[in-house]
Amino acid sequence: MATHELRRPFKRPAISDQQRRREISLQRQAQNRRDAQHQARCLASTILTLQPAQYEPAEPDLQLQSETELIPELEIESQEHRRDLRDIDDVRQASRLKGVEARQWFAKQLMLPEWMIDVPERLNTDWYVFARPAGKRCFVVSSNGTTISRLRNGSMLHRFPSALPSGARTSKSSHSGQSYCILDCIFHEPDQTYYVIDMVCWAGMSLYECTTEFRFFWLNSKLVETGACDAPSSYHKFRFSTVPIYNCDQEGLNAAYTGPVPYVKDGLLFCNKHAHYQSGNTPLILVWKDENCSQYVIDTDSKGQVPNKQQVVLELLFDGKLATSDDPPVIFGCLNEDFIQEV
């Protein structure tokens, strides 16, 4: 039999752009983790192999040069690449920012979902799903005996005492600069409750480089212990609450989609279990909305009324395709060249 006849009669199925970017994001996370581990091993090996003479105070410049030369340039570049606004010192300093600086910093920190335009691979094993509360998305920061919530644009929503770590000036709370907390929340106005959908920092410990699976576990373990989920009091103005999170199998998806919750639903959020918390839009967090799980699936006016006509703004790409401004864009159709020239 000829060689070409032994070839498989099918090609590998094409993957969507969103799935490709999901894989790239996970690969980048894994590479950063390997770089950090390699850097730690390199530093440990450097310290163990240094000669006692290198620690003598008579030659400080020589000691610094010897240690630096033993660290490859790749690790130095990786370390500088990872030092961004998520650095633990910057997060602590940001909790004390005020005015324009605070608005500018917090406006860039939330992790934002993309629209769900395809079904991710291994959805039933590698993803969580939960009903998103309707309300104002915000960061809640507790530090130095006070708690502040900031909206997506960085403006302040509330300043109040809370039961979060270092969130109120009480004898039981810690006022240390090392003790602070940052939560990703949605403020639900009907019951005046902050629903916590993610945990970024807790008691001074950064969770940016932790997986979603660990962050959700830590959130459900630690939040209740502080008393933040208790009814409001003089030292705890607003109640905090977690949301029911499910594995994205058939049972969990049905529970999130149709199950009762103590808040108004605004779609479903799908979270990859292996994702780290990263600022900006990410394909590892997806949102789905329809008329059964969200009251904001169509446009409304300033009074909440549905207009007679729905509007959408499309962009004409260079190849004649009509697309939305989403990232990535959703293609609606294609115009022929003759029509484009006439217009």
Protein backbone atom coordinates (compact mmCIF):
# COMPACT_ATOMS: atom_id res chain seq x y z
CA MET A 1 0.00 0.00 0.00
CA ALA A 2 1.33 3.44 -0.90
CA THR A 3 2.54 5.68 1.88
CA HIS A 4 0.04 8.44 1.13
CA GLU A 5 -2.82 5.93 1.51
CA LEU A 6 -1.82 5.32 5.14
CA ARG A 7 -2.37 8.92 6.10
CA ARG A 8 -5.32 9.73 8.30
CA PRO A 9 -8.41 10.81 6.33
CA PHE A 10 -9.07 13.76 8.66
CA LYS A 11 -7.31 16.87 9.87
CA ARG A 12 -6.92 18.17 13.36
CA PRO A 13 -10.00 20.24 14.17
CA ALA A 14 -9.39 23.96 14.20
CA ILE A 15 -9.54 25.72 17.56
CA SER A 16 -11.14 29.10 18.14
CA ASP A 17 -9.13 32.24 18.74
CA GLN A 18 -10.44 32.38 22.30
CA GLN A 19 -9.32 28.79 22.99
CA ARG A 20 -5.89 29.53 21.53
CA ARG A 21 -5.49 32.55 23.81
CA ARG A 22 -6.61 30.47 26.78
CA GLU A 23 -3.85 27.96 26.09
CA ILE A 24 -1.29 30.74 25.67
CA SER A 25 -2.32 32.30 29.01
CA LEU A 26 -1.95 29.00 30.85
CA GLN A 27 1.41 28.32 29.18
CA ARG A 28 2.65 31.77 30.20
CA GLN A 29 1.61 31.10 33.80
CA ALA A 30 3.43 27.76 33.81
CA GLN A 31 6.57 29.35 32.34
CA ASN A 32 6.56 32.12 34.96
CA ARG A 33 6.23 29.49 37.68
CA ARG A 34 9.16 27.51 36.27
CA ASP A 35 11.25 30.69 36.02
CA ALA A 36 10.53 31.53 39.65
CA GLN A 37 11.39 28.01 40.82
CA HIS A 38 14.60 27.99 38.80
CA GLN A 39 15.56 31.38 40.20
CA ALA A 40 14.99 30.15 43.76
CA ARG A 41 17.14 27.06 43.16
CA CYS A 42 19.83 29.22 41.58
CA LEU A 43 19.90 31.62 44.52
CA ALA A 44 19.98 28.77 47.02
CA SER A 45 22.82 27.12 45.13
CA THR A 46 24.68 30.43 44.97
CA ILE A 47 24.49 30.97 48.72
CA LEU A 48 25.66 27.41 49.47
CA THR A 49 28.62 27.58 47.09
CA LEU A 50 29.93 31.00 48.19
CA GLN A 51 33.27 30.85 49.96
CA PRO A 52 33.56 32.32 53.49
CA ALA A 53 36.05 34.89 52.20
CA GLN A 54 33.33 36.41 50.06
CA TYR A 55 31.43 37.43 53.20
CA GLU A 56 34.33 39.47 54.64
CA PRO A 57 33.37 43.13 54.99
CA ALA A 58 36.70 44.27 53.52
CA GLU A 59 35.55 43.52 49.98
CA PRO A 60 31.84 44.41 49.69
CA ASP A 61 32.03 45.29 45.99
CA LEU A 62 33.67 41.98 45.13
CA GLN A 63 30.99 40.08 47.05
CA LEU A 64 28.18 41.82 45.17
CA GLN A 65 29.87 41.22 41.82
CA SER A 66 30.45 37.51 42.54
CA GLU A 67 26.83 36.93 43.53
CA THR A 68 25.50 38.79 40.50
CA GLU A 69 27.70 36.91 38.06
CA LEU A 70 26.39 33.58 39.31
CA ILE A 71 22.80 34.51 38.41
CA PRO A 72 22.10 34.08 34.67
CA GLU A 73 20.72 37.07 32.77
CA LEU A 74 17.56 35.10 32.00
CA GLU A 75 16.56 34.94 35.67
CA ILE A 76 17.27 38.66 36.13
CA GLU A 77 15.08 39.55 33.17
CA SER A 78 12.29 37.25 34.40
CA GLN A 79 12.45 38.83 37.83
CA GLU A 80 12.18 42.35 36.39
CA HIS A 81 9.33 41.25 34.13
CA ARG A 82 7.32 39.99 37.08
CA ARG A 83 7.74 43.19 39.11
CA ASP A 84 4.63 45.15 38.23
CA LEU A 85 1.72 46.72 40.09
CA ARG A 86 0.96 43.34 41.64
CA ASP A 87 4.18 43.48 43.68
CA ILE A 88 3.45 43.02 47.35
CA ASP A 89 5.04 46.38 48.29
CA ASP A 90 3.06 48.22 45.61
CA VAL A 91 -0.19 46.62 46.78
CA ARG A 92 0.49 47.74 50.34
CA GLN A 93 1.31 51.26 49.20
CA ALA A 94 -1.76 51.35 46.94
CA SER A 95 -4.01 50.69 49.92
CA ARG A 96 -2.91 54.11 51.22
CA LEU A 97 -3.26 56.06 47.96
CA LYS A 98 -5.72 58.94 47.79
CA GLY A 99 -7.40 61.10 45.19
CA VAL A 100 -6.38 60.88 41.54
CA GLU A 101 -3.51 58.46 42.20
CA ALA A 102 -5.85 55.99 43.89
CA ARG A 103 -8.41 56.21 41.07
CA GLN A 104 -5.75 55.63 38.42
CA TRP A 105 -4.27 52.63 40.21
CA PHE A 106 -7.49 50.82 41.06
CA ALA A 107 -9.02 51.46 37.63
CA LYS A 108 -6.43 49.10 36.15
CA GLN A 109 -6.48 46.27 38.68
CA LEU A 110 -9.72 44.32 38.25
CA MET A 111 -9.68 41.06 36.32
CA LEU A 112 -12.37 41.36 33.64
CA PRO A 113 -14.11 38.51 31.79
CA GLU A 114 -14.54 38.01 28.07
CA TRP A 115 -17.83 37.07 26.47
CA MET A 116 -18.28 33.33 26.15
CA ILE A 117 -18.28 32.74 22.39
CA ASP A 118 -17.28 29.06 22.42
CA VAL A 119 -17.26 26.09 24.79
CA PRO A 120 -13.83 25.70 26.43
CA GLU A 121 -12.09 22.35 26.36
CA ARG A 122 -12.44 20.28 29.55
CA LEU A 123 -15.25 22.55 30.71
CA ASN A 124 -16.63 19.95 33.12
CA THR A 125 -13.28 19.31 34.87
CA ASP A 126 -11.21 22.52 34.67
CA TRP A 127 -13.83 25.21 35.23
CA TYR A 128 -16.04 26.66 37.96
CA VAL A 129 -19.37 28.39 37.34
CA PHE A 130 -21.52 30.66 39.51
CA ALA A 131 -24.38 33.11 39.13
CA ARG A 132 -23.00 36.63 39.06
CA PRO A 133 -24.77 39.09 41.39
CA ALA A 134 -26.19 42.22 39.78
CA GLY A 135 -24.58 45.37 41.11
CA LYS A 136 -21.45 47.50 41.16
CA ARG A 137 -18.16 45.70 40.60
CA CYS A 138 -15.49 47.01 42.96
CA PHE A 139 -12.31 46.39 44.90
CA VAL A 140 -12.69 46.40 48.69
CA VAL A 141 -9.48 47.31 50.55
CA SER A 142 -9.08 47.15 54.32
CA SER A 143 -5.96 48.72 55.84
CA ASN A 144 -4.89 50.83 58.84
CA GLY A 145 -8.23 50.51 60.60
CA THR A 146 -10.53 51.49 57.74
CA THR A 147 -12.18 49.90 54.70
CA ILE A 148 -12.66 51.51 51.29
CA SER A 149 -14.45 50.22 48.21
CA ARG A 150 -13.58 51.50 44.72
CA LEU A 151 -15.49 51.05 41.48
CA ARG A 152 -14.12 49.91 38.12
CA ASN A 153 -13.19 53.48 37.20
CA GLY A 154 -11.25 53.88 40.44
CA SER A 155 -13.70 56.26 42.15
CA MET A 156 -14.63 55.64 45.77
CA LEU A 157 -17.94 53.94 46.54
CA HIS A 158 -17.87 53.62 50.35
CA ARG A 159 -15.56 54.28 53.28
CA PHE A 160 -16.60 52.29 56.32
CA PRO A 161 -15.46 50.08 59.22
CA SER A 162 -15.54 46.34 58.64
CA ALA A 163 -14.60 43.03 60.27
CA LEU A 164 -11.98 42.38 57.59
CA PRO A 165 -8.30 42.24 58.64
CA SER A 166 -7.29 45.74 59.79
CA GLY A 167 -10.68 47.00 58.58
CA ALA A 168 -11.80 48.86 61.72
CA ARG A 169 -10.23 50.64 64.67
CA THR A 170 -11.04 48.13 67.39
CA SER A 171 -8.94 46.53 70.10
CA LYS A 172 -9.13 43.16 68.33
CA SER A 173 -8.03 44.35 64.89
CA SER A 174 -4.42 44.68 63.79
CA HIS A 175 -3.23 48.14 62.73
CA SER A 176 0.06 46.86 61.37
CA GLY A 177 1.00 47.98 57.86
CA GLN A 178 1.61 44.33 57.09
CA SER A 179 -2.04 43.43 57.71
CA TYR A 180 -4.37 44.42 54.89
CA CYS A 181 -6.94 42.81 52.63
CA ILE A 182 -8.10 43.25 49.02
CA LEU A 183 -11.29 41.58 47.81
CA ASP A 184 -12.94 41.53 44.39
CA CYS A 185 -16.61 42.22 45.12
CA ILE A 186 -19.98 43.21 43.71
CA PHE A 187 -22.06 45.58 45.81
CA HIS A 188 -25.70 44.46 45.69
CA GLU A 189 -27.81 47.50 46.59
CA PRO A 190 -31.17 45.78 47.37
CA ASP A 191 -29.73 44.04 50.46
CA GLN A 192 -26.71 46.36 50.97
CA THR A 193 -24.31 43.43 50.77
CA TYR A 194 -20.85 43.01 49.30
CA TYR A 195 -20.76 39.67 47.49
CA VAL A 196 -17.15 38.50 47.26
CA ILE A 197 -16.35 36.81 43.96
CA ASP A 198 -12.57 36.60 44.40
CA MET A 199 -9.79 37.18 46.93
CA VAL A 200 -6.66 39.07 45.89
CA CYS A 201 -4.83 39.64 49.21
CA TRP A 202 -5.59 38.41 52.70
CA ALA A 203 -3.97 39.50 55.99
CA GLY A 204 -0.98 40.87 54.08
CA MET A 205 -0.49 37.77 51.92
CA SER A 206 -0.74 38.23 48.15
CA LEU A 207 -2.79 35.64 46.25
CA TYR A 208 -2.12 36.98 42.75
CA GLU A 209 0.08 34.02 41.81
CA CYS A 210 -2.30 31.45 43.31
CA THR A 211 -4.73 29.44 41.21
CA THR A 212 -8.46 30.11 41.19
CA GLU A 213 -8.98 26.79 42.94
CA PHE A 214 -6.83 27.87 45.89
CA ARG A 215 -8.20 31.43 46.02
CA PHE A 216 -11.79 30.17 46.19
CA PHE A 217 -10.84 27.67 48.90
CA TRP A 218 -9.07 30.36 50.92
CA LEU A 219 -11.97 32.77 50.43
CA ASN A 220 -14.57 30.35 51.74
CA SER A 221 -12.30 29.31 54.62
CA LYS A 222 -11.16 32.70 55.89
CA LEU A 223 -13.99 35.15 55.27
CA VAL A 224 -16.41 33.54 57.72
CA GLU A 225 -13.76 33.33 60.45
CA THR A 226 -13.45 37.14 60.65
CA GLY A 227 -17.15 37.75 61.25
CA ALA A 228 -17.42 39.75 58.02
CA CYS A 229 -20.46 37.66 57.05
CA ASP A 230 -22.31 38.65 60.22
CA ALA A 231 -25.08 41.22 60.37
CA PRO A 232 -23.98 44.90 60.31
CA SER A 233 -22.94 46.55 63.58
CA SER A 234 -21.23 49.72 64.77
CA TYR A 235 -17.82 48.34 63.75
CA HIS A 236 -19.09 46.48 60.71
CA LYS A 237 -21.29 48.66 58.50
CA PHE A 238 -21.90 46.32 55.52
CA ARG A 239 -22.34 42.58 55.42
CA PHE A 240 -20.07 40.46 53.22
CA SER A 241 -21.09 37.19 51.66
CA THR A 242 -19.67 34.53 49.38
CA VAL A 243 -21.52 33.21 46.31
CA PRO A 244 -22.33 29.52 45.69
CA ILE A 245 -19.64 28.15 43.36
CA TYR A 246 -20.05 24.91 41.42
CA ASN A 247 -17.93 22.59 39.34
CA CYS A 248 -18.99 23.15 35.76
CA ASP A 249 -20.48 19.72 35.15
CA GLN A 250 -24.09 19.15 34.17
CA GLU A 251 -25.35 19.26 37.75
CA GLY A 252 -23.36 22.35 38.70
CA LEU A 253 -24.25 24.23 35.53
CA ASN A 254 -27.94 23.55 36.08
CA ALA A 255 -27.70 24.71 39.71
CA ALA A 256 -25.97 27.96 38.76
CA TYR A 257 -28.36 28.63 35.88
CA THR A 258 -31.70 27.80 37.51
CA GLY A 259 -30.97 27.51 41.25
CA PRO A 260 -32.25 30.12 43.74
CA VAL A 261 -29.81 32.70 45.12
CA PRO A 262 -30.34 35.55 47.64
CA TYR A 263 -29.47 38.19 45.04
CA VAL A 264 -30.52 39.34 41.58
CA LYS A 265 -28.66 37.38 38.90
CA ASP A 266 -26.71 39.09 36.16
CA GLY A 267 -25.46 36.20 34.05
CA LEU A 268 -23.05 33.34 34.72
CA LEU A 269 -19.31 33.61 35.33
CA PHE A 270 -17.04 30.75 34.25
CA CYS A 271 -13.60 30.63 35.91
CA ASN A 272 -10.70 28.40 34.91
CA LYS A 273 -9.43 26.54 37.99
CA HIS A 274 -5.77 27.04 37.04
CA ALA A 275 -5.95 30.78 36.29
CA HIS A 276 -3.99 33.33 38.30
CA TYR A 277 -5.46 36.71 39.13
CA GLN A 278 -4.37 39.13 36.40
CA SER A 279 -5.41 42.68 35.63
CA GLY A 280 -7.51 43.44 32.57
CA ASN A 281 -9.46 41.17 30.23
CA THR A 282 -8.59 37.49 30.21
CA PRO A 283 -9.97 34.48 28.28
CA LEU A 284 -9.67 32.42 31.46
CA ILE A 285 -12.75 34.17 32.89
CA LEU A 286 -15.91 34.10 30.75
CA VAL A 287 -19.36 35.63 31.12
CA TRP A 288 -22.64 34.34 29.69
CA LYS A 289 -25.95 36.22 29.66
CA ASP A 290 -29.40 35.45 28.29
CA GLU A 291 -32.96 36.37 29.20
CA ASN A 292 -33.20 33.53 31.73
CA CYS A 293 -30.21 34.48 33.88
CA SER A 294 -29.90 38.26 33.43
CA GLN A 295 -32.23 41.21 33.26
CA TYR A 296 -29.55 43.23 31.45
CA VAL A 297 -29.24 41.06 28.37
CA ILE A 298 -30.61 43.91 26.21
CA ASP A 299 -30.07 47.67 26.31
CA THR A 300 -32.24 49.86 28.53
CA ASP A 301 -32.54 53.63 28.85
CA SER A 302 -31.75 55.74 31.92
CA LYS A 303 -35.11 54.80 33.45
CA GLY A 304 -34.60 51.07 32.97
CA GLN A 305 -37.09 50.86 30.09
CA VAL A 306 -36.42 48.79 26.97
CA PRO A 307 -36.35 51.05 23.87
CA ASN A 308 -38.28 50.18 20.71
CA LYS A 309 -35.07 49.49 18.81
CA GLN A 310 -31.80 47.90 19.93
CA GLN A 311 -28.58 49.42 18.58
CA VAL A 312 -25.18 47.93 17.93
CA VAL A 313 -22.03 49.61 16.63
CA LEU A 314 -20.01 47.56 14.14
CA GLU A 315 -16.52 48.20 12.78
CA LEU A 316 -15.68 47.71 9.12
CA LEU A 317 -12.38 45.80 8.96
CA PHE A 318 -9.89 46.08 6.11
CA ASP A 319 -11.04 42.77 4.60
CA GLY A 320 -14.68 43.85 4.44
CA LYS A 321 -15.84 42.05 7.58
CA LEU A 322 -18.21 43.66 10.09
CA ALA A 323 -17.14 43.11 13.67
CA THR A 324 -17.96 44.27 17.20
CA SER A 325 -15.47 46.12 19.39
CA ASP A 326 -15.13 43.12 21.72
CA ASP A 327 -11.70 41.63 22.36
CA PRO A 328 -11.56 39.45 20.35
CA PRO A 329 -14.14 40.94 17.96
CA VAL A 330 -17.26 38.97 17.01
CA ILE A 331 -17.72 38.82 13.22
CA PHE A 332 -21.28 39.54 12.11
CA GLY A 333 -20.93 39.44 8.34
CA CYS A 334 -19.00 40.59 5.31
CA LEU A 335 -19.60 43.34 2.73
CA ASN A 336 -18.60 42.89 -0.90
CA GLU A 337 -16.02 45.20 -2.43
CA ASP A 338 -18.41 46.89 -4.82
CA PHE A 339 -20.75 47.93 -2.02
CA ILE A 340 -17.84 49.30 0.07
CA GLN A 341 -16.62 51.42 -2.84
CA GLU A 342 -20.11 52.82 -3.41
CA VAL A 343 -20.41 53.82 0.22
